PDB file of N, CA and C in Angstrom:
ATOM      1  N   VAL A   1     -15.017   3.163   6.774  1.00  0.00           N
ATOM      2  CA  VAL A   1     -14.750   2.521   5.504  1.00  0.00           C
ATOM      3  C   VAL A   1     -13.365   1.885   5.513  1.00  0.00           C
ATOM      4  N   PHE A   2     -12.347   2.651   5.891  1.00  0.00           N
ATOM      5  CA  PHE A   2     -10.986   2.128   5.868  1.00  0.00           C
ATOM      6  C   PHE A   2     -10.705   1.167   7.014  1.00  0.00           C
ATOM      7  N   THR A   3     -11.541   1.161   8.034  1.00  0.00           N
ATOM      8  CA  THR A   3     -11.320   0.253   9.162  1.00  0.00           C
ATOM      9  C   THR A   3     -11.680  -1.176   8.805  1.00  0.00           C
ATOM     10  N   ASP A   4     -12.446  -1.381   7.731  1.00  0.00           N
ATOM     11  CA  ASP A   4     -12.835  -2.726   7.312  1.00  0.00           C
ATOM     12  C   ASP A   4     -11.804  -3.383   6.398  1.00  0.00           C
ATOM     13  N   LEU A   5     -10.769  -2.669   6.030  1.00  0.00           N
ATOM     14  CA  LEU A   5      -9.786  -3.204   5.099  1.00  0.00           C
ATOM     15  C   LEU A   5      -8.857  -4.195   5.786  1.00  0.00           C
ATOM     16  N   GLN A   6      -8.558  -5.275   5.078  1.00  0.00           N
ATOM     17  CA  GLN A   6      -7.616  -6.287   5.541  1.00  0.00           C
ATOM     18  C   GLN A   6      -6.214  -5.923   5.038  1.00  0.00           C
ATOM     19  N   TRP A   7      -5.208  -6.638   5.537  1.00  0.00           N
ATOM     20  CA  TRP A   7      -3.831  -6.349   5.155  1.00  0.00           C
ATOM     21  C   TRP A   7      -3.647  -6.456   3.645  1.00  0.00           C
ATOM     22  N   HIS A   8      -4.293  -7.438   3.013  1.00  0.00           N
ATOM     23  CA  HIS A   8      -4.128  -7.622   1.569  1.00  0.00           C
ATOM     24  C   HIS A   8      -4.780  -6.487   0.777  1.00  0.00           C
ATOM     25  N   ASP A   9      -5.802  -5.845   1.348  1.00  0.00           N
ATOM     26  CA  ASP A   9      -6.379  -4.664   0.702  1.00  0.00           C
ATOM     27  C   ASP A   9      -5.375  -3.517   0.690  1.00  0.00           C
ATOM     28  N   TRP A  10      -4.646  -3.367   1.784  1.00  0.00           N
ATOM     29  CA  TRP A  10      -3.624  -2.317   1.865  1.00  0.00           C
ATOM     30  C   TRP A  10      -2.479  -2.603   0.901  1.00  0.00           C
ATOM     31  N   VAL A  11      -2.100  -3.883   0.766  1.00  0.00           N
ATOM     32  CA  VAL A  11      -1.041  -4.263  -0.170  1.00  0.00           C
ATOM     33  C   VAL A  11      -1.467  -3.928  -1.599  1.00  0.00           C
ATOM     34  N   GLY A  12      -2.693  -4.291  -1.960  1.00  0.00           N
ATOM     35  CA  GLY A  12      -3.207  -3.968  -3.288  1.00  0.00           C
ATOM     36  C   GLY A  12      -3.296  -2.473  -3.525  1.00  0.00           C
ATOM     37  N   SER A  13      -3.699  -1.740  -2.504  1.00  0.00           N
ATOM     38  CA  SER A  13      -3.784  -0.279  -2.624  1.00  0.00           C
ATOM     39  C   SER A  13      -2.411   0.343  -2.821  1.00  0.00           C
ATOM     40  N   LEU A  14      -1.407  -0.208  -2.162  1.00  0.00           N
ATOM     41  CA  LEU A  14      -0.035   0.258  -2.370  1.00  0.00           C
ATOM     42  C   LEU A  14       0.383   0.015  -3.821  1.00  0.00           C
ATOM     43  N   GLY A  15       0.003  -1.140  -4.364  1.00  0.00           N
ATOM     44  CA  GLY A  15       0.288  -1.436  -5.765  1.00  0.00           C
ATOM     45  C   GLY A  15      -0.343  -0.426  -6.701  1.00  0.00           C
ATOM     46  N   VAL A  16      -1.591  -0.073  -6.432  1.00  0.00           N
ATOM     47  CA  VAL A  16      -2.278   0.943  -7.240  1.00  0.00           C
ATOM     48  C   VAL A  16      -1.535   2.272  -7.150  1.00  0.00           C
ATOM     49  N   LEU A  17      -1.149   2.654  -5.948  1.00  0.00           N
ATOM     50  CA  LEU A  17      -0.440   3.915  -5.745  1.00  0.00           C
ATOM     51  C   LEU A  17       0.878   3.945  -6.524  1.00  0.00           C
ATOM     52  N   ILE A  18       1.600   2.837  -6.531  1.00  0.00           N
ATOM     53  CA  ILE A  18       2.871   2.765  -7.258  1.00  0.00           C
ATOM     54  C   ILE A  18       2.646   2.934  -8.757  1.00  0.00           C
ATOM     55  N   ILE A  19       1.643   2.243  -9.299  1.00  0.00           N
ATOM     56  CA  ILE A  19       1.358   2.342 -10.731  1.00  0.00           C
ATOM     57  C   ILE A  19       0.902   3.749 -11.104  1.00  0.00           C
ATOM     58  N   VAL A  20       0.036   4.328 -10.303  1.00  0.00           N
ATOM     59  CA  VAL A  20      -0.454   5.681 -10.585  1.00  0.00           C
ATOM     60  C   VAL A  20       0.683   6.695 -10.500  1.00  0.00           C
ATOM     61  N   ALA A  21       1.568   6.542  -9.518  1.00  0.00           N
ATOM     62  CA  ALA A  21       2.707   7.454  -9.386  1.00  0.00           C
ATOM     63  C   ALA A  21       3.627   7.341 -10.602  1.00  0.00           C
ATOM     64  N   ALA A  22       3.885   6.113 -11.059  1.00  0.00           N
ATOM     65  CA  ALA A  22       4.731   5.924 -12.239  1.00  0.00           C
ATOM     66  C   ALA A  22       4.095   6.565 -13.470  1.00  0.00           C
ATOM     67  N   TYR A  23       2.799   6.418 -13.609  1.00  0.00           N
ATOM     68  CA  TYR A  23       2.097   7.016 -14.753  1.00  0.00           C
ATOM     69  C   TYR A  23       2.118   8.543 -14.672  1.00  0.00           C
ATOM     70  N   LEU A  24       1.947   9.074 -13.481  1.00  0.00           N
ATOM     71  CA  LEU A  24       2.027  10.524 -13.295  1.00  0.00           C
ATOM     72  C   LEU A  24       3.413  11.028 -13.673  1.00  0.00           C
ATOM     73  N   TRP A  25       4.458  10.349 -13.195  1.00  0.00           N
ATOM     74  CA  TRP A  25       5.825  10.741 -13.533  1.00  0.00           C
ATOM     75  C   TRP A  25       6.036  10.708 -15.044  1.00  0.00           C
ATOM     76  N   LEU A  26       5.474   9.700 -15.709  1.00  0.00           N
ATOM     77  CA  LEU A  26       5.578   9.615 -17.162  1.00  0.00           C
ATOM     78  C   LEU A  26       4.910  10.822 -17.823  1.00  0.00           C
ATOM     79  N   GLN A  27       3.722  11.160 -17.382  1.00  0.00           N
ATOM     80  CA  GLN A  27       2.953  12.243 -17.993  1.00  0.00           C
ATOM     81  C   GLN A  27       3.580  13.618 -17.778  1.00  0.00           C
ATOM     82  N   ILE A  28       4.238  13.827 -16.650  1.00  0.00           N
ATOM     83  CA  ILE A  28       4.847  15.136 -16.391  1.00  0.00           C
ATOM     84  C   ILE A  28       6.304  15.198 -16.843  1.00  0.00           C
ATOM     85  N   GLY A  29       6.776  14.127 -17.492  1.00  0.00           N
ATOM     86  CA  GLY A  29       8.107  14.131 -18.065  1.00  0.00           C
ATOM     87  C   GLY A  29       9.243  13.863 -17.099  1.00  0.00           C
ATOM     88  N   ARG A  30       8.948  13.344 -15.932  1.00  0.00           N
ATOM     89  CA  ARG A  30      10.013  13.052 -14.959  1.00  0.00           C
ATOM     90  C   ARG A  30      10.676  11.709 -15.214  1.00  0.00           C
ATOM     91  N   ILE A  31      10.043  10.886 -16.045  1.00  0.00           N
ATOM     92  CA  ILE A  31      10.574   9.562 -16.339  1.00  0.00           C
ATOM     93  C   ILE A  31      10.168   9.197 -17.763  1.00  0.00           C
ATOM     94  N   ALA A  32      11.001   8.407 -18.427  1.00  0.00           N
ATOM     95  CA  ALA A  32      10.691   7.955 -19.789  1.00  0.00           C
ATOM     96  C   ALA A  32       9.992   6.600 -19.731  1.00  0.00           C
ATOM     97  N   GLY A  33       9.148   6.356 -20.693  1.00  0.00           N
ATOM     98  CA  GLY A  33       8.423   5.091 -20.740  1.00  0.00           C
ATOM     99  C   GLY A  33       9.329   3.892 -20.949  1.00  0.00           C
ATOM    100  N   GLN A  34      10.514   4.115 -21.520  1.00  0.00           N
ATOM    101  CA  GLN A  34      11.460   3.026 -21.749  1.00  0.00           C
ATOM    102  C   GLN A  34      12.407   2.823 -20.572  1.00  0.00           C
ATOM    103  N   ASN A  35      12.254   3.602 -19.536  1.00  0.00           N
ATOM    104  CA  ASN A  35      13.116   3.531 -18.360  1.00  0.00           C
ATOM    105  C   ASN A  35      12.801   2.275 -17.552  1.00  0.00           C
ATOM    106  N   VAL A  36      13.845   1.599 -17.066  1.00  0.00           N
ATOM    107  CA  VAL A  36      13.625   0.386 -16.273  1.00  0.00           C
ATOM    108  C   VAL A  36      12.902   0.696 -14.963  1.00  0.00           C
ATOM    109  N   VAL A  37      13.036   1.899 -14.462  1.00  0.00           N
ATOM    110  CA  VAL A  37      12.320   2.273 -13.237  1.00  0.00           C
ATOM    111  C   VAL A  37      10.817   2.278 -13.495  1.00  0.00           C
ATOM    112  N   PHE A  38      10.408   2.785 -14.651  1.00  0.00           N
ATOM    113  CA  PHE A  38       8.987   2.800 -15.008  1.00  0.00           C
ATOM    114  C   PHE A  38       8.447   1.374 -15.121  1.00  0.00           C
ATOM    115  N   SER A  39       9.177   0.523 -15.834  1.00  0.00           N
ATOM    116  CA  SER A  39       8.747  -0.871 -15.982  1.00  0.00           C
ATOM    117  C   SER A  39       8.770  -1.599 -14.649  1.00  0.00           C
ATOM    118  N   GLY A  40       9.794  -1.341 -13.848  1.00  0.00           N
ATOM    119  CA  GLY A  40       9.883  -1.980 -12.532  1.00  0.00           C
ATOM    120  C   GLY A  40       8.764  -1.560 -11.604  1.00  0.00           C
ATOM    121  N   ALA A  41       8.407  -0.286 -11.647  1.00  0.00           N
ATOM    122  CA  ALA A  41       7.303   0.196 -10.809  1.00  0.00           C
ATOM    123  C   ALA A  41       5.990  -0.448 -11.232  1.00  0.00           C
ATOM    124  N   ASN A  42       5.775  -0.562 -12.533  1.00  0.00           N
ATOM    125  CA  ASN A  42       4.564  -1.213 -13.022  1.00  0.00           C
ATOM    126  C   ASN A  42       4.538  -2.691 -12.649  1.00  0.00           C
ATOM    127  N   LEU A  43       5.679  -3.349 -12.737  1.00  0.00           N
ATOM    128  CA  LEU A  43       5.766  -4.755 -12.351  1.00  0.00           C
ATOM    129  C   LEU A  43       5.455  -4.935 -10.871  1.00  0.00           C
ATOM    130  N   LEU A  44       6.111  -4.155 -10.035  1.00  0.00           N
ATOM    131  CA  LEU A  44       5.887  -4.251  -8.589  1.00  0.00           C
ATOM    132  C   LEU A  44       4.433  -3.942  -8.232  1.00  0.00           C
ATOM    133  N   GLY A  45       3.904  -2.877  -8.803  1.00  0.00           N
ATOM    134  CA  GLY A  45       2.521  -2.505  -8.521  1.00  0.00           C
ATOM    135  C   GLY A  45       1.544  -3.599  -8.900  1.00  0.00           C
ATOM    136  N   SER A  46       1.738  -4.185 -10.070  1.00  0.00           N
ATOM    137  CA  SER A  46       0.845  -5.255 -10.517  1.00  0.00           C
ATOM    138  C   SER A  46       0.942  -6.486  -9.629  1.00  0.00           C
ATOM    139  N   MET A  47       2.141  -6.810  -9.204  1.00  0.00           N
ATOM    140  CA  MET A  47       2.309  -7.963  -8.318  1.00  0.00           C
ATOM    141  C   MET A  47       1.613  -7.733  -6.978  1.00  0.00           C
ATOM    142  N   LEU A  48       1.694  -6.518  -6.468  1.00  0.00           N
ATOM    143  CA  LEU A  48       1.018  -6.208  -5.208  1.00  0.00           C
ATOM    144  C   LEU A  48      -0.501  -6.262  -5.368  1.00  0.00           C
ATOM    145  N   ILE A  49      -0.991  -5.796  -6.500  1.00  0.00           N
ATOM    146  CA  ILE A  49      -2.430  -5.888  -6.761  1.00  0.00           C
ATOM    147  C   ILE A  49      -2.861  -7.352  -6.843  1.00  0.00           C
ATOM    148  N   LEU A  50      -2.022  -8.197  -7.448  1.00  0.00           N
ATOM    149  CA  LEU A  50      -2.353  -9.624  -7.527  1.00  0.00           C
ATOM    150  C   LEU A  50      -2.459 -10.265  -6.149  1.00  0.00           C
ATOM    151  N   VAL A  51      -1.655  -9.806  -5.199  1.00  0.00           N
ATOM    152  CA  VAL A  51      -1.777 -10.317  -3.828  1.00  0.00           C
ATOM    153  C   VAL A  51      -3.185 -10.056  -3.316  1.00  0.00           C
ATOM    154  N   SER A  52      -3.666  -8.860  -3.510  1.00  0.00           N
ATOM    155  CA  SER A  52      -5.018  -8.513  -3.081  1.00  0.00           C
ATOM    156  C   SER A  52      -6.064  -9.347  -3.818  1.00  0.00           C
ATOM    157  N   LEU A  53      -5.849  -9.554  -5.109  1.00  0.00           N
ATOM    158  CA  LEU A  53      -6.809 -10.316  -5.908  1.00  0.00           C
ATOM    159  C   LEU A  53      -6.817 -11.798  -5.556  1.00  0.00           C
ATOM    160  N   TYR A  54      -5.746 -12.290  -4.985  1.00  0.00           N
ATOM    161  CA  TYR A  54      -5.720 -13.677  -4.522  1.00  0.00           C
ATOM    162  C   TYR A  54      -6.787 -13.891  -3.446  1.00  0.00           C
ATOM    163  N   PHE A  55      -6.976 -12.909  -2.616  1.00  0.00           N
ATOM    164  CA  PHE A  55      -7.941 -13.013  -1.518  1.00  0.00           C
ATOM    165  C   PHE A  55      -9.347 -12.582  -1.927  1.00  0.00           C
ATOM    166  N   ASN A  56      -9.444 -11.682  -2.890  1.00  0.00           N
ATOM    167  CA  ASN A  56     -10.735 -11.213  -3.407  1.00  0.00           C
ATOM    168  C   ASN A  56     -10.705 -11.355  -4.920  1.00  0.00           C
ATOM    169  N   PHE A  57     -10.898 -12.584  -5.392  1.00  0.00           N
ATOM    170  CA  PHE A  57     -10.707 -12.906  -6.802  1.00  0.00           C
ATOM    171  C   PHE A  57     -11.694 -12.174  -7.699  1.00  0.00           C
ATOM    172  N   ASN A  58     -11.154 -11.662  -8.806  1.00  0.00           N
ATOM    173  CA  ASN A  58     -11.942 -11.056  -9.871  1.00  0.00           C
ATOM    174  C   ASN A  58     -11.212 -11.404 -11.164  1.00  0.00           C
ATOM    175  N   PHE A  59     -11.822 -12.252 -11.986  1.00  0.00           N
ATOM    176  CA  PHE A  59     -11.139 -12.777 -13.167  1.00  0.00           C
ATOM    177  C   PHE A  59     -10.613 -11.682 -14.089  1.00  0.00           C
ATOM    178  N   SER A  60     -11.448 -10.715 -14.405  1.00  0.00           N
ATOM    179  CA  SER A  60     -11.031  -9.643 -15.322  1.00  0.00           C
ATOM    180  C   SER A  60      -9.853  -8.855 -14.763  1.00  0.00           C
ATOM    181  N   ALA A  61      -9.877  -8.573 -13.472  1.00  0.00           N
ATOM    182  CA  ALA A  61      -8.784  -7.825 -12.843  1.00  0.00           C
ATOM    183  C   ALA A  61      -7.496  -8.646 -12.838  1.00  0.00           C
ATOM    184  N   VAL A  62      -7.605  -9.944 -12.559  1.00  0.00           N
ATOM    185  CA  VAL A  62      -6.422 -10.814 -12.592  1.00  0.00           C
ATOM    186  C   VAL A  62      -5.852 -10.856 -14.006  1.00  0.00           C
ATOM    187  N   LEU A  63      -6.723 -10.956 -14.989  1.00  0.00           N
ATOM    188  CA  LEU A  63      -6.283 -11.022 -16.382  1.00  0.00           C
ATOM    189  C   LEU A  63      -5.500  -9.772 -16.785  1.00  0.00           C
ATOM    190  N   ILE A  64      -6.006  -8.596 -16.461  1.00  0.00           N
ATOM    191  CA  ILE A  64      -5.295  -7.373 -16.831  1.00  0.00           C
ATOM    192  C   ILE A  64      -3.965  -7.269 -16.082  1.00  0.00           C
ATOM    193  N   GLU A  65      -3.922  -7.714 -14.837  1.00  0.00           N
ATOM    194  CA  GLU A  65      -2.667  -7.655 -14.079  1.00  0.00           C
ATOM    195  C   GLU A  65      -1.635  -8.620 -14.640  1.00  0.00           C
ATOM    196  N   ILE A  66      -2.077  -9.785 -15.114  1.00  0.00           N
ATOM    197  CA  ILE A  66      -1.142 -10.732 -15.735  1.00  0.00           C
ATOM    198  C   ILE A  66      -0.541 -10.121 -16.998  1.00  0.00           C
ATOM    199  N   PHE A  67      -1.375  -9.508 -17.830  1.00  0.00           N
ATOM    200  CA  PHE A  67      -0.849  -8.836 -19.021  1.00  0.00           C
ATOM    201  C   PHE A  67       0.068  -7.677 -18.639  1.00  0.00           C
ATOM    202  N   TRP A  68      -0.285  -6.940 -17.588  1.00  0.00           N
ATOM    203  CA  TRP A  68       0.538  -5.818 -17.127  1.00  0.00           C
ATOM    204  C   TRP A  68       1.914  -6.325 -16.705  1.00  0.00           C
ATOM    205  N   ILE A  69       1.944  -7.457 -16.019  1.00  0.00           N
ATOM    206  CA  ILE A  69       3.208  -8.051 -15.575  1.00  0.00           C
ATOM    207  C   ILE A  69       4.038  -8.496 -16.773  1.00  0.00           C
ATOM    208  N   ILE A  70       3.413  -9.168 -17.732  1.00  0.00           N
ATOM    209  CA  ILE A  70       4.140  -9.636 -18.919  1.00  0.00           C
ATOM    210  C   ILE A  70       4.748  -8.456 -19.677  1.00  0.00           C
ATOM    211  N   ILE A  71       3.964  -7.418 -19.892  1.00  0.00           N
ATOM    212  CA  ILE A  71       4.455  -6.243 -20.617  1.00  0.00           C
ATOM    213  C   ILE A  71       5.549  -5.537 -19.820  1.00  0.00           C
ATOM    214  N   SER A  72       5.399  -5.467 -18.507  1.00  0.00           N
ATOM    215  CA  SER A  72       6.419  -4.833 -17.663  1.00  0.00           C
ATOM    216  C   SER A  72       7.718  -5.622 -17.687  1.00  0.00           C
ATOM    217  N   LEU A  73       7.621  -6.948 -17.666  1.00  0.00           N
ATOM    218  CA  LEU A  73       8.826  -7.780 -17.765  1.00  0.00           C
ATOM    219  C   LEU A  73       9.515  -7.568 -19.110  1.00  0.00           C
ATOM    220  N   PHE A  74       8.735  -7.491 -20.171  1.00  0.00           N
ATOM    221  CA  PHE A  74       9.283  -7.203 -21.493  1.00  0.00           C
ATOM    222  C   PHE A  74      10.011  -5.859 -21.486  1.00  0.00           C
ATOM    223  N   GLY A  75       9.388  -4.847 -20.894  1.00  0.00           N
ATOM    224  CA  GLY A  75      10.009  -3.528 -20.797  1.00  0.00           C
ATOM    225  C   GLY A  75      11.293  -3.549 -19.990  1.00  0.00           C
ATOM    226  N   LEU A  76      11.299  -4.321 -18.908  1.00  0.00           N
ATOM    227  CA  LEU A  76      12.517  -4.437 -18.095  1.00  0.00           C
ATOM    228  C   LEU A  76      13.647  -5.079 -18.887  1.00  0.00           C
ATOM    229  N   VAL A  77      13.342  -6.160 -19.588  1.00  0.00           N
ATOM    230  CA  VAL A  77      14.365  -6.846 -20.382  1.00  0.00           C
ATOM    231  C   VAL A  77      14.908  -5.917 -21.458  1.00  0.00           C
ATOM    232  N   MET A  78      14.025  -5.234 -22.163  1.00  0.00           N
ATOM    233  CA  MET A  78      14.472  -4.306 -23.205  1.00  0.00           C
ATOM    234  C   MET A  78      15.300  -3.166 -22.608  1.00  0.00           C
ATOM    235  N   GLY A  79      14.878  -2.643 -21.486  1.00  0.00           N
ATOM    236  CA  GLY A  79      15.615  -1.565 -20.834  1.00  0.00           C
ATOM    237  C   GLY A  79      16.987  -2.003 -20.363  1.00  0.00           C
ATOM    238  N   LEU A  80      17.071  -3.202 -19.817  1.00  0.00           N
ATOM    239  CA  LEU A  80      18.367  -3.714 -19.365  1.00  0.00           C
ATOM    240  C   LEU A  80      19.289  -3.988 -20.544  1.00  0.00           C
ATOM    241  N   ARG A  81      18.738  -4.454 -21.646  1.00  0.00           N
ATOM    242  CA  ARG A  81      19.556  -4.656 -22.854  1.00  0.00           C
ATOM    243  C   ARG A  81      20.107  -3.330 -23.363  1.00  0.00           C
ATOM    244  N   ARG A  82      19.268  -2.298 -23.386  1.00  0.00           N
ATOM    245  CA  ARG A  82      19.729  -0.968 -23.813  1.00  0.00           C
ATOM    246  C   ARG A  82      20.823  -0.459 -22.880  1.00  0.00           C
ATOM    247  N   PHE A  83      20.654  -0.701 -21.582  1.00  0.00           N
ATOM    248  CA  PHE A  83      21.640  -0.260 -20.600  1.00  0.00           C
ATOM    249  C   PHE A  83      22.981  -0.943 -20.842  1.00  0.00           C
ATOM    250  N   LYS A  84      22.964  -2.237 -21.128  1.00  0.00           N
ATOM    251  CA  LYS A  84      24.201  -2.974 -21.387  1.00  0.00           C
ATOM    252  C   LYS A  84      24.874  -2.501 -22.670  1.00  0.00           C
ATOM    253  N   LEU A  85      24.080  -2.157 -23.678  1.00  0.00           N
ATOM    254  CA  LEU A  85      24.646  -1.692 -24.946  1.00  0.00           C
ATOM    255  C   LEU A  85      25.319  -0.337 -24.822  1.00  0.00           C
ATOM    256  N   THR A  86      24.852   0.492 -23.910  1.00  0.00           N
ATOM    257  CA  THR A  86      25.432   1.826 -23.754  1.00  0.00           C
ATOM    258  C   THR A  86      26.666   1.819 -22.866  1.00  0.00           C
ATOM    259  N   ARG A  87      26.946   0.737 -22.227  1.00  0.00           N
ATOM    260  CA  ARG A  87      28.117   0.664 -21.336  1.00  0.00           C
ATOM    261  C   ARG A  87      29.306   0.139 -22.035  1.00  0.00           C
TER     262      ARG A  87
END
């Protein structure tokens, strides 16, 4: 099964792993949802998934990843603003 995977499948799988790890950290209290690391991990993961979707297009999956990226960018901007205000 895994021998049939192309490089872009592995890139997308890494993206999934990053997003799942960030969500796990959120659920067990190791990271806050407003943390720039959480938003950055979601952004990176979604971008990696989009690489995979470029080669194996699925409209619904691309759509959710685009929204995930937009929301993650919003979270990053808000987190960086909070960081600047506390300094």
